[in-house]
Amino acid sequence: MSREEILLKTSERLEDLRLNGIKIIQHAEKYRFTCDAVLLAEFFGGRRGERMIDLCSGSGIVGLLIAAKCPIAHMTLLELQPDLCEMSERSLRYNGMQTRMRVVCESVQRAPELFPERFDAVVVNPPYLRKGACFVNESPEVAMCRHELKLTLNELTASAGRLLGTGGRFGIVFPAERMSELLCAMTAAALEPKRLTLVQAD
């Protein structure tokens, strides 16, 4: 039995990220990362020696892409859903990144009290659909990743502001139609917007 077969569970597969040999475990029928995560990782990137935290990390895609391209000091993947945390840990083990990255299963709201030492950078691909604004996905796992069921935008930015050290960086991908709401929430959390890129799907 191969290393891949040992790591994979039913309906899971190992997908090649085409970046320095890095692969990620994905479930065929549950939440899968989208181009938003790839765009965010490319736009925000990492800097040598940074301590970073990826909030709402899901399968760990953003953190894996950043860590694979940049010699950051350490990456913490924070995710609320235990199944996604466990799958992320297996992806880290497969890629031999468990010494540079760790997975913490906890809510974003509790993160500031869990990590009082502060971070150099916070990155997040958060739930972006307002609760009650549209039909919720039938899959509880997917719904939690896409809809603000467990985390509001104001809660997210407030935690991010407390997690960052002086001069730290904050990166987020968010729908353009909620841009003004995002900028107001960031300002309230003392996160000053510096750089913005608009992306339009073909």
N, C-alpha and C. Protein backbone atom coordinates (compact mmCIF):
# COMPACT_ATOMS: atom_id res chain seq x y z
N MET A 1 0.85 -1.19 0.00
CA MET A 1 0.00 0.00 0.00
C MET A 1 0.89 1.25 0.00
N SER A 2 0.59 2.21 -0.87
CA SER A 2 1.40 3.43 -1.00
C SER A 2 1.12 4.39 0.14
N ARG A 3 2.00 5.39 0.28
CA ARG A 3 1.81 6.41 1.31
C ARG A 3 0.50 7.17 1.08
N GLU A 4 0.16 7.42 -0.19
CA GLU A 4 -1.07 8.10 -0.52
C GLU A 4 -2.28 7.32 -0.05
N GLU A 5 -2.26 6.01 -0.28
CA GLU A 5 -3.40 5.17 0.10
C GLU A 5 -3.56 5.09 1.61
N ILE A 6 -2.47 5.13 2.34
CA ILE A 6 -2.52 5.09 3.80
C ILE A 6 -3.18 6.36 4.34
N LEU A 7 -2.87 7.50 3.73
CA LEU A 7 -3.37 8.78 4.20
C LEU A 7 -4.82 9.04 3.82
N LEU A 8 -5.25 8.51 2.68
CA LEU A 8 -6.57 8.84 2.15
C LEU A 8 -7.69 8.01 2.76
N LYS A 9 -8.83 8.66 2.95
CA LYS A 9 -10.03 7.99 3.42
C LYS A 9 -11.01 7.87 2.25
N THR A 10 -12.15 7.24 2.50
CA THR A 10 -13.16 7.04 1.46
C THR A 10 -13.58 8.36 0.83
N SER A 11 -13.63 8.40 -0.50
CA SER A 11 -14.04 9.56 -1.29
C SER A 11 -13.02 10.71 -1.26
N GLU A 12 -11.83 10.46 -0.73
CA GLU A 12 -10.79 11.49 -0.75
C GLU A 12 -9.80 11.22 -1.88
N ARG A 13 -9.16 12.28 -2.33
CA ARG A 13 -8.10 12.12 -3.31
C ARG A 13 -7.00 13.14 -3.05
N LEU A 14 -5.83 12.82 -3.53
CA LEU A 14 -4.66 13.68 -3.38
C LEU A 14 -4.50 14.49 -4.66
N GLU A 15 -4.52 15.81 -4.54
CA GLU A 15 -4.46 16.66 -5.72
C GLU A 15 -3.14 17.43 -5.74
N ASP A 16 -2.53 17.44 -6.91
CA ASP A 16 -1.24 18.11 -7.11
C ASP A 16 -1.46 19.60 -7.28
N LEU A 17 -0.81 20.42 -6.44
CA LEU A 17 -0.93 21.88 -6.54
C LEU A 17 0.04 22.46 -7.55
N ARG A 18 0.86 21.61 -8.16
CA ARG A 18 1.82 22.03 -9.17
C ARG A 18 2.72 23.16 -8.65
N LEU A 19 3.19 22.97 -7.44
CA LEU A 19 4.06 23.94 -6.81
C LEU A 19 5.02 23.21 -5.89
N ASN A 20 6.26 23.05 -6.34
CA ASN A 20 7.30 22.42 -5.54
C ASN A 20 6.91 21.05 -5.00
N GLY A 21 6.09 20.32 -5.77
CA GLY A 21 5.71 18.97 -5.38
C GLY A 21 4.65 18.88 -4.29
N ILE A 22 4.07 20.01 -3.90
CA ILE A 22 3.08 20.03 -2.83
C ILE A 22 1.75 19.44 -3.33
N LYS A 23 1.14 18.59 -2.48
CA LYS A 23 -0.17 18.02 -2.79
C LYS A 23 -1.09 18.25 -1.59
N ILE A 24 -2.39 18.24 -1.87
CA ILE A 24 -3.37 18.47 -0.82
C ILE A 24 -4.48 17.42 -0.89
N ILE A 25 -4.97 17.02 0.26
CA ILE A 25 -6.07 16.05 0.31
C ILE A 25 -7.39 16.79 0.19
N GLN A 26 -8.25 16.32 -0.70
CA GLN A 26 -9.57 16.90 -0.91
C GLN A 26 -10.63 15.81 -0.87
N HIS A 27 -11.80 16.15 -0.38
CA HIS A 27 -12.92 15.20 -0.36
C HIS A 27 -13.79 15.47 -1.58
N ALA A 28 -14.12 14.41 -2.30
CA ALA A 28 -14.86 14.57 -3.55
C ALA A 28 -16.27 15.12 -3.37
N GLU A 29 -16.86 14.93 -2.19
CA GLU A 29 -18.26 15.29 -2.01
C GLU A 29 -18.49 16.38 -0.97
N LYS A 30 -17.42 16.90 -0.39
CA LYS A 30 -17.57 17.94 0.63
C LYS A 30 -16.91 19.24 0.15
N TYR A 31 -16.62 20.13 1.10
CA TYR A 31 -16.06 21.43 0.73
C TYR A 31 -14.71 21.27 0.05
N ARG A 32 -14.56 21.96 -1.08
CA ARG A 32 -13.31 21.96 -1.83
C ARG A 32 -12.87 23.40 -2.04
N PHE A 33 -11.57 23.63 -2.05
CA PHE A 33 -11.11 25.00 -2.22
C PHE A 33 -11.43 25.52 -3.62
N THR A 34 -11.53 26.83 -3.73
CA THR A 34 -11.85 27.48 -5.00
C THR A 34 -10.69 28.38 -5.42
N CYS A 35 -10.87 29.07 -6.53
CA CYS A 35 -9.83 29.97 -7.03
C CYS A 35 -9.61 31.14 -6.08
N ASP A 36 -10.59 31.45 -5.23
CA ASP A 36 -10.41 32.54 -4.26
C ASP A 36 -9.18 32.29 -3.38
N ALA A 37 -9.03 31.05 -2.93
CA ALA A 37 -7.90 30.71 -2.06
C ALA A 37 -6.57 30.86 -2.79
N VAL A 38 -6.53 30.44 -4.04
CA VAL A 38 -5.30 30.54 -4.83
C VAL A 38 -4.95 32.00 -5.09
N LEU A 39 -5.95 32.81 -5.44
CA LEU A 39 -5.72 34.24 -5.69
C LEU A 39 -5.24 34.95 -4.42
N LEU A 40 -5.83 34.61 -3.29
CA LEU A 40 -5.43 35.23 -2.02
C LEU A 40 -3.99 34.90 -1.67
N ALA A 41 -3.62 33.63 -1.80
CA ALA A 41 -2.25 33.22 -1.48
C ALA A 41 -1.24 33.93 -2.37
N GLU A 42 -1.58 34.08 -3.64
CA GLU A 42 -0.67 34.74 -4.59
C GLU A 42 -0.58 36.24 -4.30
N PHE A 43 -1.70 36.86 -4.01
CA PHE A 43 -1.74 38.31 -3.76
C PHE A 43 -1.04 38.68 -2.46
N PHE A 44 -1.34 37.93 -1.39
CA PHE A 44 -0.81 38.27 -0.07
C PHE A 44 0.60 37.77 0.13
N GLY A 45 0.84 36.51 -0.26
CA GLY A 45 2.18 35.94 -0.14
C GLY A 45 2.70 35.87 1.28
N GLY A 46 3.99 35.65 1.41
CA GLY A 46 4.63 35.59 2.71
C GLY A 46 5.97 36.29 2.66
N ARG A 47 6.54 36.56 3.81
CA ARG A 47 7.84 37.19 3.91
C ARG A 47 8.74 36.34 4.80
N ARG A 48 10.01 36.34 4.48
CA ARG A 48 10.97 35.51 5.21
C ARG A 48 10.90 35.78 6.71
N GLY A 49 10.79 34.71 7.47
CA GLY A 49 10.82 34.83 8.92
C GLY A 49 9.51 35.21 9.58
N GLU A 50 8.43 35.38 8.81
CA GLU A 50 7.16 35.77 9.40
C GLU A 50 6.49 34.63 10.15
N ARG A 51 5.81 34.97 11.21
CA ARG A 51 4.90 34.06 11.89
C ARG A 51 3.50 34.42 11.42
N MET A 52 2.83 33.48 10.77
CA MET A 52 1.54 33.76 10.16
C MET A 52 0.45 32.87 10.74
N ILE A 53 -0.80 33.35 10.64
CA ILE A 53 -1.95 32.53 10.99
C ILE A 53 -2.98 32.65 9.89
N ASP A 54 -3.52 31.51 9.48
CA ASP A 54 -4.56 31.44 8.46
C ASP A 54 -5.87 31.13 9.17
N LEU A 55 -6.77 32.11 9.22
CA LEU A 55 -8.06 31.94 9.87
C LEU A 55 -9.04 31.30 8.90
N CYS A 56 -9.96 30.50 9.43
CA CYS A 56 -10.94 29.79 8.57
C CYS A 56 -10.18 29.01 7.50
N SER A 57 -9.19 28.23 7.93
CA SER A 57 -8.23 27.65 6.99
C SER A 57 -8.78 26.51 6.14
N GLY A 58 -9.93 25.93 6.51
CA GLY A 58 -10.52 24.87 5.69
C GLY A 58 -9.59 23.69 5.52
N SER A 59 -9.29 23.36 4.26
CA SER A 59 -8.39 22.24 3.96
C SER A 59 -6.92 22.60 4.10
N GLY A 60 -6.64 23.88 4.40
CA GLY A 60 -5.26 24.32 4.57
C GLY A 60 -4.62 24.85 3.31
N ILE A 61 -5.42 25.07 2.27
CA ILE A 61 -4.87 25.42 0.96
C ILE A 61 -4.08 26.72 0.97
N VAL A 62 -4.59 27.79 1.58
CA VAL A 62 -3.90 29.07 1.56
C VAL A 62 -2.55 28.96 2.26
N GLY A 63 -2.54 28.36 3.44
CA GLY A 63 -1.29 28.21 4.18
C GLY A 63 -0.28 27.36 3.45
N LEU A 64 -0.74 26.26 2.84
CA LEU A 64 0.18 25.40 2.08
C LEU A 64 0.81 26.13 0.91
N LEU A 65 0.01 26.89 0.17
CA LEU A 65 0.53 27.62 -0.99
C LEU A 65 1.55 28.67 -0.56
N ILE A 66 1.27 29.39 0.52
CA ILE A 66 2.20 30.42 0.98
C ILE A 66 3.49 29.79 1.51
N ALA A 67 3.36 28.77 2.36
CA ALA A 67 4.54 28.13 2.95
C ALA A 67 5.41 27.45 1.90
N ALA A 68 4.79 26.96 0.82
CA ALA A 68 5.55 26.28 -0.22
C ALA A 68 6.39 27.25 -1.05
N LYS A 69 6.00 28.52 -1.09
CA LYS A 69 6.70 29.49 -1.92
C LYS A 69 7.64 30.40 -1.14
N CYS A 70 7.41 30.52 0.18
CA CYS A 70 8.19 31.49 0.94
C CYS A 70 8.71 30.88 2.24
N PRO A 71 9.95 31.17 2.62
CA PRO A 71 10.52 30.63 3.87
C PRO A 71 10.02 31.38 5.11
N ILE A 72 8.70 31.35 5.33
CA ILE A 72 8.16 31.93 6.55
C ILE A 72 8.64 31.12 7.74
N ALA A 73 8.58 31.71 8.92
CA ALA A 73 9.06 31.00 10.11
C ALA A 73 8.08 29.92 10.53
N HIS A 74 6.80 30.25 10.54
CA HIS A 74 5.80 29.28 10.98
C HIS A 74 4.41 29.72 10.54
N MET A 75 3.54 28.75 10.27
CA MET A 75 2.16 29.01 9.87
C MET A 75 1.23 28.22 10.78
N THR A 76 0.25 28.91 11.37
CA THR A 76 -0.80 28.26 12.15
C THR A 76 -2.07 28.25 11.31
N LEU A 77 -2.68 27.08 11.17
CA LEU A 77 -3.95 26.94 10.46
C LEU A 77 -5.05 26.83 11.50
N LEU A 78 -5.94 27.80 11.53
CA LEU A 78 -7.03 27.80 12.50
C LEU A 78 -8.35 27.47 11.79
N GLU A 79 -8.99 26.40 12.21
CA GLU A 79 -10.23 25.95 11.58
C GLU A 79 -11.17 25.42 12.66
N LEU A 80 -12.47 25.71 12.52
CA LEU A 80 -13.46 25.32 13.51
C LEU A 80 -13.93 23.87 13.34
N GLN A 81 -13.97 23.37 12.11
CA GLN A 81 -14.56 22.07 11.84
C GLN A 81 -13.52 20.95 12.01
N PRO A 82 -13.76 20.01 12.95
CA PRO A 82 -12.79 18.95 13.24
C PRO A 82 -12.41 18.10 12.03
N ASP A 83 -13.37 17.78 11.17
CA ASP A 83 -13.06 16.94 10.00
C ASP A 83 -12.06 17.63 9.08
N LEU A 84 -12.23 18.94 8.86
CA LEU A 84 -11.30 19.67 8.01
C LEU A 84 -9.94 19.80 8.68
N CYS A 85 -9.93 19.96 9.99
CA CYS A 85 -8.66 20.04 10.72
C CYS A 85 -7.88 18.74 10.58
N GLU A 86 -8.56 17.63 10.75
CA GLU A 86 -7.91 16.33 10.66
C GLU A 86 -7.38 16.08 9.25
N MET A 87 -8.15 16.49 8.25
CA MET A 87 -7.71 16.32 6.87
C MET A 87 -6.49 17.21 6.57
N SER A 88 -6.51 18.43 7.11
CA SER A 88 -5.37 19.34 6.94
C SER A 88 -4.10 18.77 7.55
N GLU A 89 -4.23 18.16 8.72
CA GLU A 89 -3.07 17.57 9.39
C GLU A 89 -2.46 16.46 8.54
N ARG A 90 -3.30 15.68 7.89
CA ARG A 90 -2.77 14.63 7.01
C ARG A 90 -2.07 15.21 5.80
N SER A 91 -2.57 16.33 5.27
CA SER A 91 -1.90 16.99 4.16
C SER A 91 -0.52 17.50 4.58
N LEU A 92 -0.45 18.04 5.79
CA LEU A 92 0.84 18.53 6.30
C LEU A 92 1.83 17.38 6.43
N ARG A 93 1.36 16.25 6.98
CA ARG A 93 2.24 15.09 7.14
C ARG A 93 2.71 14.59 5.78
N TYR A 94 1.83 14.52 4.82
CA TYR A 94 2.22 14.03 3.49
C TYR A 94 3.33 14.90 2.90
N ASN A 95 3.22 16.22 3.08
CA ASN A 95 4.19 17.14 2.50
C ASN A 95 5.40 17.41 3.40
N GLY A 96 5.45 16.75 4.56
CA GLY A 96 6.57 16.93 5.47
C GLY A 96 6.65 18.33 6.05
N MET A 97 5.51 18.99 6.24
CA MET A 97 5.48 20.38 6.70
C MET A 97 5.04 20.52 8.15
N GLN A 98 4.93 19.41 8.88
CA GLN A 98 4.40 19.49 10.24
C GLN A 98 5.31 20.23 11.21
N THR A 99 6.58 20.45 10.85
CA THR A 99 7.46 21.23 11.72
C THR A 99 7.32 22.73 11.46
N ARG A 100 6.86 23.09 10.27
CA ARG A 100 6.69 24.51 9.92
C ARG A 100 5.26 24.99 10.06
N MET A 101 4.32 24.05 10.16
CA MET A 101 2.91 24.39 10.20
C MET A 101 2.21 23.55 11.25
N ARG A 102 1.15 24.10 11.83
CA ARG A 102 0.34 23.34 12.79
C ARG A 102 -1.13 23.69 12.57
N VAL A 103 -2.00 22.77 12.95
CA VAL A 103 -3.44 22.95 12.83
C VAL A 103 -4.04 23.09 14.22
N VAL A 104 -4.86 24.10 14.40
CA VAL A 104 -5.56 24.31 15.67
C VAL A 104 -7.05 24.33 15.40
N CYS A 105 -7.80 23.48 16.08
CA CYS A 105 -9.24 23.37 15.88
C CYS A 105 -9.94 24.26 16.91
N GLU A 106 -10.30 25.47 16.49
CA GLU A 106 -10.91 26.42 17.42
C GLU A 106 -11.60 27.53 16.63
N SER A 107 -12.41 28.31 17.29
CA SER A 107 -13.13 29.40 16.63
C SER A 107 -12.24 30.63 16.48
N VAL A 108 -12.55 31.45 15.48
CA VAL A 108 -11.82 32.70 15.28
C VAL A 108 -12.03 33.63 16.46
N GLN A 109 -13.22 33.62 17.04
CA GLN A 109 -13.52 34.51 18.16
C GLN A 109 -12.60 34.26 19.35
N ARG A 110 -12.19 33.00 19.54
CA ARG A 110 -11.34 32.66 20.69
C ARG A 110 -9.85 32.81 20.39
N ALA A 111 -9.50 33.03 19.15
CA ALA A 111 -8.08 33.05 18.75
C ALA A 111 -7.23 34.05 19.53
N PRO A 112 -7.69 35.28 19.75
CA PRO A 112 -6.83 36.24 20.47
C PRO A 112 -6.42 35.77 21.86
N GLU A 113 -7.31 35.09 22.58
CA GLU A 113 -6.93 34.61 23.91
C GLU A 113 -6.05 33.38 23.84
N LEU A 114 -6.14 32.62 22.74
CA LEU A 114 -5.31 31.44 22.57
C LEU A 114 -3.89 31.79 22.16
N PHE A 115 -3.73 32.92 21.44
CA PHE A 115 -2.42 33.32 20.91
C PHE A 115 -2.08 34.74 21.36
N PRO A 116 -1.77 34.94 22.63
CA PRO A 116 -1.45 36.29 23.11
C PRO A 116 -0.11 36.82 22.59
N GLU A 117 0.70 35.93 21.97
CA GLU A 117 2.03 36.37 21.53
C GLU A 117 2.00 37.20 20.26
N ARG A 118 0.87 37.28 19.58
CA ARG A 118 0.68 38.06 18.36
C ARG A 118 1.41 37.44 17.16
N PHE A 119 0.96 37.83 15.96
CA PHE A 119 1.51 37.32 14.70
C PHE A 119 1.99 38.46 13.83
N ASP A 120 2.88 38.13 12.90
CA ASP A 120 3.36 39.12 11.93
C ASP A 120 2.35 39.30 10.80
N ALA A 121 1.55 38.26 10.52
CA ALA A 121 0.60 38.33 9.41
C ALA A 121 -0.61 37.46 9.69
N VAL A 122 -1.77 37.95 9.29
CA VAL A 122 -3.04 37.22 9.38
C VAL A 122 -3.65 37.17 7.99
N VAL A 123 -4.01 35.99 7.55
CA VAL A 123 -4.63 35.84 6.23
C VAL A 123 -5.91 35.05 6.39
N VAL A 124 -6.94 35.36 5.58
CA VAL A 124 -8.22 34.68 5.76
C VAL A 124 -9.05 34.68 4.47
N ASN A 125 -9.61 33.50 4.18
CA ASN A 125 -10.62 33.35 3.13
C ASN A 125 -11.89 32.95 3.88
N PRO A 126 -12.68 33.94 4.33
CA PRO A 126 -13.75 33.67 5.30
C PRO A 126 -15.09 33.32 4.66
N PRO A 127 -16.05 32.90 5.49
CA PRO A 127 -17.43 32.80 4.99
C PRO A 127 -17.86 34.20 4.54
N TYR A 128 -18.49 34.32 3.40
CA TYR A 128 -18.75 35.66 2.85
C TYR A 128 -20.22 35.94 2.54
N LEU A 129 -21.10 34.97 2.75
CA LEU A 129 -22.53 35.17 2.50
C LEU A 129 -23.23 35.49 3.81
N ARG A 130 -23.96 36.61 3.86
CA ARG A 130 -24.65 36.99 5.08
C ARG A 130 -25.69 35.95 5.49
N LYS A 131 -25.81 35.73 6.77
CA LYS A 131 -26.82 34.81 7.28
C LYS A 131 -28.21 35.34 6.93
N GLY A 132 -29.01 34.52 6.28
CA GLY A 132 -30.36 34.91 5.91
C GLY A 132 -30.47 35.64 4.59
N ALA A 133 -29.32 35.90 3.93
CA ALA A 133 -29.36 36.65 2.67
C ALA A 133 -29.68 35.75 1.48
N CYS A 134 -29.49 34.45 1.61
CA CYS A 134 -29.75 33.53 0.51
C CYS A 134 -29.94 32.13 1.07
N PHE A 135 -30.29 31.19 0.20
CA PHE A 135 -30.47 29.82 0.65
C PHE A 135 -29.14 29.24 1.13
N VAL A 136 -29.19 28.54 2.24
CA VAL A 136 -28.00 27.93 2.81
C VAL A 136 -27.76 26.57 2.15
N ASN A 137 -26.50 26.29 1.86
CA ASN A 137 -26.14 25.01 1.24
C ASN A 137 -26.62 23.84 2.09
N GLU A 138 -27.06 22.77 1.43
CA GLU A 138 -27.59 21.60 2.15
C GLU A 138 -26.53 20.90 2.99
N SER A 139 -25.29 20.96 2.56
CA SER A 139 -24.20 20.34 3.32
C SER A 139 -23.81 21.25 4.48
N PRO A 140 -23.91 20.77 5.72
CA PRO A 140 -23.52 21.61 6.88
C PRO A 140 -22.08 22.09 6.80
N GLU A 141 -21.18 21.22 6.31
CA GLU A 141 -19.76 21.59 6.21
C GLU A 141 -19.57 22.73 5.22
N VAL A 142 -20.17 22.59 4.03
CA VAL A 142 -20.06 23.63 3.01
C VAL A 142 -20.75 24.91 3.46
N ALA A 143 -21.91 24.78 4.09
CA ALA A 143 -22.65 25.95 4.55
C ALA A 143 -21.82 26.77 5.53
N MET A 144 -21.13 26.12 6.46
CA MET A 144 -20.33 26.82 7.45
C MET A 144 -19.14 27.54 6.81
N CYS A 145 -18.63 26.98 5.71
CA CYS A 145 -17.49 27.59 5.02
C CYS A 145 -17.91 28.80 4.19
N ARG A 146 -19.16 28.84 3.73
CA ARG A 146 -19.60 29.88 2.81
C ARG A 146 -20.52 30.92 3.43
N HIS A 147 -21.24 30.55 4.47
CA HIS A 147 -22.23 31.45 5.06
C HIS A 147 -21.80 31.86 6.47
N GLU A 148 -22.18 33.07 6.87
CA GLU A 148 -21.81 33.59 8.17
C GLU A 148 -22.69 32.99 9.27
N LEU A 149 -22.60 31.69 9.44
CA LEU A 149 -23.40 30.98 10.44
C LEU A 149 -22.73 31.00 11.80
N LYS A 150 -21.41 30.95 11.82
CA LYS A 150 -20.66 30.87 13.08
C LYS A 150 -19.72 32.06 13.27
N LEU A 151 -19.62 32.91 12.26
CA LEU A 151 -18.65 34.01 12.32
C LEU A 151 -19.13 35.18 11.47
N THR A 152 -19.26 36.36 12.07
CA THR A 152 -19.64 37.55 11.32
C THR A 152 -18.39 38.31 10.87
N LEU A 153 -18.57 39.20 9.93
CA LEU A 153 -17.45 40.00 9.44
C LEU A 153 -16.84 40.83 10.55
N ASN A 154 -17.67 41.45 11.39
CA ASN A 154 -17.14 42.28 12.48
C ASN A 154 -16.37 41.45 13.50
N GLU A 155 -16.84 40.25 13.77
CA GLU A 155 -16.11 39.36 14.69
C GLU A 155 -14.76 38.97 14.09
N LEU A 156 -14.75 38.73 12.79
CA LEU A 156 -13.51 38.35 12.11
C LEU A 156 -12.47 39.45 12.18
N THR A 157 -12.85 40.66 11.78
CA THR A 157 -11.88 41.76 11.76
C THR A 157 -11.43 42.14 13.17
N ALA A 158 -12.34 42.05 14.14
CA ALA A 158 -11.97 42.35 15.53
C ALA A 158 -10.90 41.38 16.03
N SER A 159 -11.07 40.09 15.74
CA SER A 159 -10.08 39.09 16.15
C SER A 159 -8.76 39.29 15.41
N ALA A 160 -8.86 39.56 14.12
CA ALA A 160 -7.63 39.77 13.32
C ALA A 160 -6.83 40.95 13.86
N GLY A 161 -7.53 42.03 14.21
CA GLY A 161 -6.83 43.20 14.75
C GLY A 161 -6.11 42.90 16.04
N ARG A 162 -6.69 42.05 16.86
CA ARG A 162 -6.07 41.69 18.15
C ARG A 162 -4.94 40.68 17.97
N LEU A 163 -5.00 39.89 16.91
CA LEU A 163 -3.96 38.88 16.67
C LEU A 163 -2.68 39.47 16.10
N LEU A 164 -2.80 40.61 15.43
CA LEU A 164 -1.64 41.21 14.75
C LEU A 164 -0.78 42.04 15.69
N GLY A 165 0.52 41.90 15.52
CA GLY A 165 1.44 42.76 16.23
C GLY A 165 1.55 44.11 15.53
N THR A 166 2.26 45.04 16.12
CA THR A 166 2.45 46.36 15.53
C THR A 166 3.12 46.24 14.16
N GLY A 167 2.53 46.87 13.16
CA GLY A 167 3.09 46.82 11.81
C GLY A 167 2.79 45.53 11.07
N GLY A 168 1.90 44.69 11.63
CA GLY A 168 1.58 43.42 10.99
C GLY A 168 0.74 43.57 9.74
N ARG A 169 0.62 42.48 8.98
CA ARG A 169 -0.11 42.50 7.72
C ARG A 169 -1.39 41.68 7.83
N PHE A 170 -2.45 42.15 7.16
CA PHE A 170 -3.72 41.45 7.13
C PHE A 170 -4.16 41.31 5.68
N GLY A 171 -4.49 40.07 5.28
CA GLY A 171 -4.93 39.82 3.91
C GLY A 171 -6.24 39.06 3.90
N ILE A 172 -7.18 39.46 3.03
CA ILE A 172 -8.50 38.83 2.97
C ILE A 172 -9.02 38.85 1.54
N VAL A 173 -9.80 37.83 1.18
CA VAL A 173 -10.51 37.84 -0.09
C VAL A 173 -11.99 37.92 0.26
N PHE A 174 -12.72 38.82 -0.44
CA PHE A 174 -14.10 39.10 -0.07
C PHE A 174 -14.87 39.61 -1.29
N PRO A 175 -16.19 39.40 -1.34
CA PRO A 175 -16.97 39.84 -2.50
C PRO A 175 -16.95 41.35 -2.69
N ALA A 176 -16.86 41.79 -3.93
CA ALA A 176 -16.79 43.22 -4.23
C ALA A 176 -18.05 43.95 -3.78
N GLU A 177 -19.21 43.27 -3.83
CA GLU A 177 -20.46 43.95 -3.44
C GLU A 177 -20.52 44.26 -1.95
N ARG A 178 -19.61 43.68 -1.17
CA ARG A 178 -19.56 43.97 0.27
C ARG A 178 -18.29 44.75 0.64
N MET A 179 -17.70 45.40 -0.35
CA MET A 179 -16.42 46.09 -0.12
C MET A 179 -16.54 47.19 0.92
N SER A 180 -17.57 48.03 0.82
CA SER A 180 -17.70 49.13 1.76
C SER A 180 -17.88 48.61 3.19
N GLU A 181 -18.64 47.52 3.33
CA GLU A 181 -18.84 46.90 4.63
C GLU A 181 -17.51 46.37 5.19
N LEU A 182 -16.72 45.74 4.31
CA LEU A 182 -15.42 45.21 4.73
C LEU A 182 -14.49 46.33 5.18
N LEU A 183 -14.40 47.41 4.41
CA LEU A 183 -13.50 48.50 4.75
C LEU A 183 -13.89 49.17 6.06
N CYS A 184 -15.20 49.29 6.30
CA CYS A 184 -15.65 49.88 7.56
C CYS A 184 -15.30 48.97 8.74
N ALA A 185 -15.47 47.65 8.56
CA ALA A 185 -15.15 46.70 9.62
C ALA A 185 -13.65 46.70 9.91
N MET A 186 -12.84 46.80 8.86
CA MET A 186 -11.39 46.84 9.05
C MET A 186 -10.98 48.10 9.80
N THR A 187 -11.53 49.23 9.42
CA THR A 187 -11.19 50.50 10.07
C THR A 187 -11.55 50.46 11.55
N ALA A 188 -12.72 49.89 11.86
CA ALA A 188 -13.15 49.79 13.26
C ALA A 188 -12.21 48.92 14.08
N ALA A 189 -11.54 47.97 13.42
CA ALA A 189 -10.60 47.08 14.11
C ALA A 189 -9.16 47.55 14.01
N ALA A 190 -8.97 48.81 13.58
CA ALA A 190 -7.63 49.41 13.45
C ALA A 190 -6.79 48.68 12.41
N LEU A 191 -7.44 48.15 11.36
CA LEU A 191 -6.75 47.53 10.23
C LEU A 191 -6.88 48.48 9.04
N GLU A 192 -5.80 49.18 8.74
CA GLU A 192 -5.85 50.20 7.69
C GLU A 192 -5.63 49.57 6.31
N PRO A 193 -6.61 49.68 5.40
CA PRO A 193 -6.44 49.14 4.05
C PRO A 193 -5.30 49.84 3.32
N LYS A 194 -4.42 49.04 2.71
CA LYS A 194 -3.26 49.59 2.01
C LYS A 194 -3.26 49.25 0.52
N ARG A 195 -3.70 48.05 0.18
CA ARG A 195 -3.60 47.56 -1.19
C ARG A 195 -4.85 46.77 -1.54
N LEU A 196 -5.40 47.01 -2.73
CA LEU A 196 -6.65 46.38 -3.12
C LEU A 196 -6.57 45.93 -4.58
N THR A 197 -7.01 44.73 -4.85
CA THR A 197 -7.08 44.22 -6.22
C THR A 197 -8.47 43.68 -6.48
N LEU A 198 -9.08 44.11 -7.57
CA LEU A 198 -10.40 43.64 -7.97
C LEU A 198 -10.22 42.53 -9.01
N VAL A 199 -10.99 41.47 -8.84
CA VAL A 199 -10.90 40.32 -9.75
C VAL A 199 -12.28 40.05 -10.32
N GLN A 200 -12.34 39.85 -11.64
CA GLN A 200 -13.61 39.54 -12.30
C GLN A 200 -13.50 38.18 -12.97
N ALA A 201 -14.49 37.32 -12.70
CA ALA A 201 -14.49 35.99 -13.31
C ALA A 201 -14.81 36.09 -14.79
N ASP A 202 -14.21 35.22 -15.60
CA ASP A 202 -14.49 35.22 -17.03
C ASP A 202 -15.88 34.65 -17.30
